[in-house]
Amino acid sequence: MDIDDYGTIYVGCEGGFGYLEPNSLGKMQYVSISAKYDSTIIKTTPIIWRVRVVNNEVYFNALNVLYRYSPYKKEAKSDLEKIKSWYPKSNFYIGFSLYNKFYICEKSTGLLEMINDSLTLVKNGEFFIKKAIFSMEPASLENDNEILITTKKKLYKFNPSQNSNNASAITEFNTLFDSIFESSEIYCCVTLPQKKYAIGTISNGVVVIDSLGNIIDIISKQNGLNDNTIWALKYYDRNIWMVTNNGISRVEIISPFRMLNEYNLLDGAVTSINKFNNNIYITTNSLGAYFLNTEKSKNQIPTFEKLETISETWITYNFFDTKKNTNDLIRKFIKYFTGYFFPNK
């Protein structure tokens, strides 16, 4: 579904397409657009996969046909003049609307743009022949014309303004998570502030990356998400909304706080926490001491490692060794006696 500038919500389904309108009691009801037309216009029963509004014209996207409905077309003398259709050579994939333009990928042709009522191949658009595009998002929220494109296993950048004959308008966007994307399959994407992107996958939750492909965050069942299959993403009011196999989740992605618990291999009740040499040290009251190597955890969900030989632990301290002129971490632990432990890590 999608909504136009006047607040009308358009929907598509198996069997037709239309819009929602309140009845005399104020209750929203479905009004069919497709039912207005006979078989000369709607040749087969439509199965609509995607609805997109561009400049208050509504695109209803099926695999075997694309309809455009223009409800506010002033020169239209009848409903027949408000609808137009396009048919693919083989099959359409799903369409997208960006920067007041409509794009759609056709299986045997590639990436197309609607220009003057004609589906026109974009520069280097043949690259996407037999490649399903799952997402097209602005590469930046700061009014950059570049577009981020996701396929099943790979990310690309598309620059519609690229006019050089020697330069491709489509380039690979490599990330540090590419090997995981190969197996977990990309399904959706949304652009975040500061040129960051949230990538939703079929089996690995959501990966947040920056404009260089570095991994900023990983959100999955391992750190609290209710399901690892992500069907849709939406960034709204500083939160990411996620549609999963197990309902809808909201993630406060801008928040500096993160939860570390048993999903990060931390057990026991925490009694103290300390940071030393880029490692975070945790003591517990029954299961000993752990450390979190923040450097090692940059491109994966961070996990704690247990310090051997340490059991019940209560307090950690930092101290400065004046003889060696170095900083050391001293851990005071209590079980049957009091002692000190100097970590090698």
Protein backbone atom coordinates (compact mmCIF):
# COMPACT_ATOMS: atom_id res chain seq x y z
CA MET A 1 0.00 0.00 0.00
CA ASP A 2 0.97 3.64 -0.35
CA ILE A 3 -0.52 7.07 0.34
CA ASP A 4 -0.74 10.19 -1.83
CA ASP A 5 -0.32 13.87 -0.90
CA TYR A 6 -4.03 14.19 -0.14
CA GLY A 7 -4.09 11.35 2.38
CA THR A 8 -5.73 8.70 0.20
CA ILE A 9 -4.45 5.19 0.90
CA TYR A 10 -4.14 2.90 -2.12
CA VAL A 11 -3.99 -0.88 -1.78
CA GLY A 12 -3.44 -3.86 -4.03
CA CYS A 13 -4.28 -7.49 -3.47
CA GLU A 14 -4.95 -10.75 -5.23
CA GLY A 15 -7.89 -10.01 -7.48
CA GLY A 16 -7.84 -6.24 -7.74
CA PHE A 17 -6.69 -2.83 -6.55
CA GLY A 18 -8.32 0.27 -5.15
CA TYR A 19 -8.26 2.71 -2.24
CA LEU A 20 -9.64 3.20 1.28
CA GLU A 21 -12.40 5.72 1.95
CA PRO A 22 -14.54 6.44 5.04
CA ASN A 23 -18.24 5.66 4.75
CA SER A 24 -21.07 7.78 6.22
CA LEU A 25 -20.21 6.47 9.70
CA GLY A 26 -16.54 7.27 9.36
CA LYS A 27 -15.49 3.62 9.03
CA MET A 28 -12.82 2.95 6.42
CA GLN A 29 -13.95 0.77 3.54
CA TYR A 30 -12.34 -0.53 0.38
CA VAL A 31 -13.34 1.02 -2.94
CA SER A 32 -12.27 -0.93 -6.02
CA ILE A 33 -10.61 0.86 -8.92
CA SER A 34 -10.01 -2.26 -11.00
CA ALA A 35 -13.74 -3.12 -10.92
CA LYS A 36 -14.44 0.02 -13.00
CA TYR A 37 -12.72 -1.49 -16.02
CA ASP A 38 -13.67 -4.39 -18.27
CA SER A 39 -11.40 -7.03 -19.80
CA THR A 40 -10.14 -4.67 -22.50
CA ILE A 41 -8.20 -2.83 -19.77
CA ILE A 42 -7.86 -5.43 -16.99
CA LYS A 43 -7.11 -8.40 -19.22
CA THR A 44 -6.45 -10.92 -16.46
CA THR A 45 -7.24 -11.05 -12.75
CA PRO A 46 -4.46 -8.94 -11.22
CA ILE A 47 -2.24 -10.10 -8.38
CA ILE A 48 -0.70 -6.89 -7.07
CA TRP A 49 2.68 -7.19 -5.33
CA ARG A 50 3.55 -3.53 -4.88
CA VAL A 51 1.78 -0.14 -4.82
CA ARG A 52 3.76 3.08 -5.22
CA VAL A 53 2.66 6.72 -5.55
CA VAL A 54 4.79 9.09 -7.64
CA ASN A 55 3.62 12.69 -8.10
CA ASN A 56 0.10 11.60 -7.05
CA GLU A 57 -0.04 8.97 -9.78
CA VAL A 58 -0.47 5.44 -8.46
CA TYR A 59 1.46 2.45 -9.81
CA PHE A 60 -0.07 -0.99 -9.20
CA ASN A 61 2.64 -3.56 -9.84
CA ALA A 62 1.87 -7.16 -10.78
CA LEU A 63 4.41 -9.60 -12.20
CA ASN A 64 2.70 -9.68 -15.59
CA VAL A 65 1.47 -6.08 -15.89
CA LEU A 66 2.03 -2.57 -14.52
CA TYR A 67 -0.96 -0.23 -14.13
CA ARG A 68 -0.78 3.50 -13.51
CA TYR A 69 -3.87 5.25 -12.21
CA SER A 70 -4.05 9.06 -12.34
CA PRO A 71 -6.95 10.08 -10.06
CA TYR A 72 -6.31 13.83 -10.35
CA LYS A 73 -5.77 14.01 -14.11
CA LYS A 74 -7.63 17.21 -14.99
CA GLU A 75 -7.86 16.63 -18.73
CA ALA A 76 -9.35 13.15 -18.31
CA LYS A 77 -12.91 13.05 -19.65
CA SER A 78 -13.62 9.57 -18.31
CA ASP A 79 -12.13 6.86 -16.07
CA LEU A 80 -10.68 5.21 -19.17
CA GLU A 81 -8.33 8.15 -19.58
CA LYS A 82 -7.12 7.84 -16.00
CA ILE A 83 -5.51 4.42 -16.34
CA LYS A 84 -2.61 3.17 -18.43
CA SER A 85 -0.89 -0.22 -18.57
CA TRP A 86 2.51 -1.66 -19.56
CA TYR A 87 3.38 -5.29 -20.18
CA PRO A 88 6.81 -6.93 -19.71
CA LYS A 89 8.72 -9.01 -22.24
CA SER A 90 8.92 -11.76 -19.63
CA ASN A 91 8.16 -10.70 -16.02
CA PHE A 92 8.35 -7.60 -13.87
CA TYR A 93 9.95 -7.61 -10.46
CA ILE A 94 8.75 -5.12 -7.83
CA GLY A 95 8.83 -1.36 -8.50
CA PHE A 96 10.25 1.54 -6.49
CA SER A 97 9.69 5.28 -6.14
CA LEU A 98 12.62 7.61 -5.40
CA TYR A 99 13.20 11.32 -6.01
CA ASN A 100 9.75 11.58 -7.66
CA LYS A 101 10.69 8.90 -10.19
CA PHE A 102 9.40 5.37 -10.73
CA TYR A 103 11.78 2.46 -11.32
CA ILE A 104 11.05 -1.18 -12.03
CA CYS A 105 13.20 -4.15 -13.02
CA GLU A 106 12.13 -6.34 -15.92
CA LYS A 107 13.60 -9.84 -15.93
CA SER A 108 14.85 -9.91 -19.53
CA THR A 109 15.61 -6.18 -19.95
CA GLY A 110 17.03 -4.85 -16.68
CA LEU A 111 16.37 -1.73 -14.63
CA LEU A 112 13.83 0.65 -16.19
CA GLU A 113 12.68 4.19 -15.39
CA MET A 114 9.30 5.66 -16.33
CA ILE A 115 10.05 8.62 -18.61
CA ASN A 116 7.29 10.36 -20.59
CA ASP A 117 4.94 7.39 -20.30
CA SER A 118 7.62 4.97 -21.49
CA LEU A 119 9.62 2.41 -19.51
CA THR A 120 13.18 3.35 -20.48
CA LEU A 121 16.36 1.40 -19.71
CA VAL A 122 18.60 3.38 -17.34
CA LYS A 123 22.31 3.68 -18.05
CA ASN A 124 23.90 0.23 -17.56
CA GLY A 125 20.48 -1.03 -16.50
CA GLU A 126 21.04 -4.27 -18.44
CA PHE A 127 23.35 -5.27 -15.57
CA PHE A 128 20.21 -6.30 -13.66
CA ILE A 129 18.91 -8.73 -16.29
CA LYS A 130 17.69 -11.80 -14.38
CA LYS A 131 18.64 -10.09 -11.10
CA ALA A 132 15.74 -9.36 -8.77
CA ILE A 133 16.08 -6.02 -7.00
CA PHE A 134 14.69 -6.15 -3.47
CA SER A 135 15.33 -2.56 -2.36
CA MET A 136 16.12 0.84 -3.82
CA GLU A 137 16.85 3.46 -1.20
CA PRO A 138 18.46 6.93 -1.17
CA ALA A 139 22.19 6.51 -0.60
CA SER A 140 21.89 9.48 1.76
CA LEU A 141 19.15 11.38 3.57
CA GLU A 142 21.08 14.57 2.84
CA ASN A 143 19.60 15.09 -0.68
CA ASP A 144 22.10 12.99 -2.60
CA ASN A 145 20.81 11.63 -5.94
CA GLU A 146 22.77 8.38 -5.59
CA ILE A 147 20.70 5.24 -4.94
CA LEU A 148 21.52 2.15 -2.89
CA ILE A 149 20.29 -1.06 -4.55
CA THR A 150 20.09 -4.47 -2.90
CA THR A 151 19.78 -7.80 -4.63
CA LYS A 152 19.52 -11.22 -3.01
CA LYS A 153 23.20 -11.42 -2.06
CA LYS A 154 24.85 -8.11 -2.95
CA LEU A 155 24.65 -4.31 -2.60
CA TYR A 156 25.20 -1.77 -5.37
CA LYS A 157 25.31 2.00 -5.82
CA PHE A 158 23.44 3.58 -8.75
CA ASN A 159 24.15 7.13 -9.87
CA PRO A 160 21.41 8.28 -12.32
CA SER A 161 23.39 11.46 -13.02
CA GLN A 162 26.49 9.60 -14.27
CA ASN A 163 26.97 10.93 -17.82
CA SER A 164 30.55 9.89 -18.49
CA ASN A 165 30.89 7.32 -21.27
CA ASN A 166 33.82 5.69 -19.48
CA ALA A 167 32.22 5.39 -16.05
CA SER A 168 29.52 2.94 -15.06
CA ALA A 169 26.40 4.28 -13.38
CA ILE A 170 26.26 1.06 -11.33
CA THR A 171 29.06 0.01 -8.98
CA GLU A 172 29.42 -2.71 -6.38
CA PHE A 173 29.13 -1.63 -2.76
CA ASN A 174 31.35 -3.99 -0.80
CA THR A 175 30.87 -4.50 2.93
CA LEU A 176 32.56 -6.45 5.69
CA PHE A 177 29.42 -8.59 5.93
CA ASP A 178 29.38 -9.75 2.27
CA SER A 179 30.28 -13.35 3.06
CA ILE A 180 27.31 -13.55 5.47
CA PHE A 181 24.96 -11.92 2.94
CA GLU A 182 25.81 -14.76 0.56
CA SER A 183 24.16 -17.29 2.88
CA SER A 184 21.64 -15.23 4.86
CA GLU A 185 20.06 -13.48 1.82
CA ILE A 186 19.21 -9.77 1.75
CA TYR A 187 15.50 -8.95 1.61
CA CYS A 188 15.08 -5.27 2.50
CA CYS A 189 16.96 -2.10 3.32
CA VAL A 190 16.37 1.35 4.77
CA THR A 191 18.57 4.46 4.81
CA LEU A 192 19.47 5.96 8.19
CA PRO A 193 20.90 9.38 9.09
CA GLN A 194 24.63 10.06 8.59
CA LYS A 195 24.84 7.78 5.52
CA LYS A 196 24.19 4.58 7.39
CA TYR A 197 22.02 1.71 6.19
CA ALA A 198 20.04 -1.04 7.88
CA ILE A 199 20.05 -4.25 5.83
CA GLY A 200 17.35 -6.81 6.62
CA THR A 201 18.06 -10.48 5.89
CA ILE A 202 16.07 -13.69 5.67
CA SER A 203 17.98 -15.54 8.39
CA ASN A 204 20.45 -13.20 10.13
CA GLY A 205 18.42 -10.28 11.44
CA VAL A 206 19.50 -6.72 10.60
CA VAL A 207 23.00 -5.42 9.88
CA VAL A 208 23.73 -1.70 10.18
CA ILE A 209 26.62 -0.47 8.02
CA ASP A 210 28.16 2.89 7.19
CA SER A 211 28.91 4.43 3.79
CA LEU A 212 32.26 2.57 3.64
CA GLY A 213 30.69 -0.83 4.31
CA ASN A 214 31.92 -1.05 7.90
CA ILE A 215 29.63 -2.86 10.31
CA ILE A 216 28.17 -0.50 12.92
CA ASP A 217 25.66 -2.81 14.60
CA ILE A 218 24.07 -6.25 14.32
CA ILE A 219 20.51 -6.79 15.56
CA SER A 220 19.34 -10.39 15.85
CA LYS A 221 17.87 -12.95 18.24
CA GLN A 222 21.31 -13.16 19.81
CA ASN A 223 20.86 -9.68 21.28
CA GLY A 224 17.11 -9.48 21.80
CA LEU A 225 15.27 -9.38 18.45
CA ASN A 226 12.19 -11.63 18.44
CA ASP A 227 12.98 -13.24 15.07
CA ASN A 228 15.82 -13.29 12.53
CA THR A 229 13.65 -13.13 9.38
CA ILE A 230 13.11 -9.50 8.32
CA TRP A 231 10.43 -8.76 5.73
CA ALA A 232 10.34 -4.96 5.89
CA LEU A 233 12.16 -2.02 7.49
CA LYS A 234 11.04 1.53 8.18
CA TYR A 235 13.00 4.35 9.81
CA TYR A 236 10.67 6.70 11.67
CA ASP A 237 11.10 9.04 14.63
CA ARG A 238 14.68 7.90 15.32
CA ASN A 239 13.65 4.24 15.48
CA ILE A 240 13.83 1.31 13.07
CA TRP A 241 10.56 -0.60 12.74
CA MET A 242 10.95 -4.20 11.63
CA VAL A 243 8.41 -6.65 10.24
CA THR A 244 9.48 -10.19 11.20
CA ASN A 245 8.02 -13.69 11.13
CA ASN A 246 7.04 -13.10 14.74
CA GLY A 247 5.36 -9.69 14.64
CA ILE A 248 6.65 -6.12 14.55
CA SER A 249 9.69 -4.91 16.48
CA ARG A 250 10.97 -1.43 17.23
CA VAL A 251 14.68 -0.78 17.74
CA GLU A 252 15.98 2.46 19.23
CA ILE A 253 18.91 2.51 16.85
CA ILE A 254 20.06 6.04 17.79
CA SER A 255 20.31 5.14 21.48
CA PRO A 256 23.90 4.75 22.78
CA PHE A 257 22.75 2.00 25.15
CA ARG A 258 23.13 -1.70 24.33
CA MET A 259 22.09 -4.75 26.31
CA LEU A 260 24.69 -7.42 27.07
CA ASN A 261 23.41 -10.64 28.63
CA GLU A 262 23.38 -14.42 28.18
CA TYR A 263 23.07 -13.95 24.42
CA ASN A 264 26.56 -12.47 24.60
CA LEU A 265 27.77 -15.51 26.61
CA LEU A 266 27.66 -13.67 29.93
CA ASP A 267 26.36 -15.71 32.87
CA GLY A 268 25.90 -14.93 36.54
CA ALA A 269 25.00 -11.78 38.45
CA VAL A 270 27.38 -8.94 37.56
CA THR A 271 29.19 -7.48 40.56
CA SER A 272 31.54 -5.02 38.86
CA ILE A 273 32.70 -3.75 35.47
CA ASN A 274 35.97 -2.21 34.35
CA LYS A 275 37.61 -1.21 31.06
CA PHE A 276 41.30 -1.80 30.46
CA ASN A 277 43.35 -1.78 27.22
CA ASN A 278 40.19 -1.79 25.05
CA ASN A 279 38.83 -4.83 26.90
CA ILE A 280 35.80 -4.73 29.18
CA TYR A 281 36.18 -6.88 32.29
CA ILE A 282 33.13 -8.19 34.14
CA THR A 283 33.04 -9.95 37.49
CA THR A 284 30.19 -12.18 38.65
CA ASN A 285 29.19 -13.49 42.04
CA SER A 286 29.14 -17.17 41.13
CA LEU A 287 30.60 -17.91 37.72
CA GLY A 288 33.87 -16.00 37.76
CA ALA A 289 35.26 -13.24 35.57
CA TYR A 290 34.85 -12.45 31.88
CA PHE A 291 36.35 -10.07 29.38
CA LEU A 292 34.88 -8.52 26.22
CA ASN A 293 37.40 -7.76 23.50
CA THR A 294 35.91 -4.69 21.81
CA GLU A 295 38.42 -4.74 18.94
CA LYS A 296 37.59 -8.34 18.08
CA SER A 297 33.85 -7.62 18.27
CA LYS A 298 33.75 -4.80 15.70
CA ASN A 299 32.28 -6.90 12.89
CA GLN A 300 30.21 -9.37 14.87
CA ILE A 301 27.89 -9.51 17.85
CA PRO A 302 30.20 -9.09 20.87
CA THR A 303 30.63 -12.09 23.14
CA PHE A 304 32.34 -12.47 26.50
CA GLU A 305 35.19 -14.89 27.14
CA LYS A 306 35.63 -16.47 30.55
CA LEU A 307 38.92 -16.00 32.36
CA GLU A 308 40.25 -19.38 33.36
CA THR A 309 40.96 -20.31 36.99
CA ILE A 310 38.78 -17.48 38.32
CA SER A 311 35.58 -18.51 40.07
CA GLU A 312 33.57 -16.23 42.35
CA THR A 313 34.62 -12.62 41.75
CA TRP A 314 33.47 -9.35 43.25
CA ILE A 315 35.55 -6.29 42.43
CA THR A 316 37.99 -5.02 39.76
CA TYR A 317 40.44 -2.13 40.13
CA ASN A 318 42.83 -0.23 37.89
CA PHE A 319 46.13 0.90 39.37
CA PHE A 320 49.30 2.61 38.17
CA ASP A 321 52.58 0.78 38.74
CA THR A 322 55.06 3.56 39.60
CA LYS A 323 58.06 1.20 39.37
CA LYS A 324 57.21 -0.02 35.86
CA ASN A 325 55.51 3.23 34.82
CA THR A 326 52.62 1.18 33.38
CA ASN A 327 48.90 0.75 33.98
CA ASP A 328 47.75 -2.66 35.17
CA LEU A 329 44.43 -4.16 36.06
CA ILE A 330 44.12 -5.72 39.47
CA ARG A 331 41.19 -7.94 40.25
CA LYS A 332 40.36 -8.61 43.84
CA PHE A 333 38.28 -11.73 44.13
CA ILE A 334 36.73 -13.34 47.13
CA LYS A 335 35.72 -16.93 47.56
CA TYR A 336 37.47 -18.69 50.42
CA PHE A 337 40.24 -16.10 50.54
CA THR A 338 41.23 -12.69 49.19
CA GLY A 339 43.86 -12.46 46.45
CA TYR A 340 44.95 -10.66 43.31
CA PHE A 341 44.99 -11.60 39.67
CA PHE A 342 46.90 -9.83 36.88
CA PRO A 343 45.39 -10.59 33.48
CA ASN A 344 47.59 -11.34 30.52
CA LYS A 345 44.85 -10.22 28.13
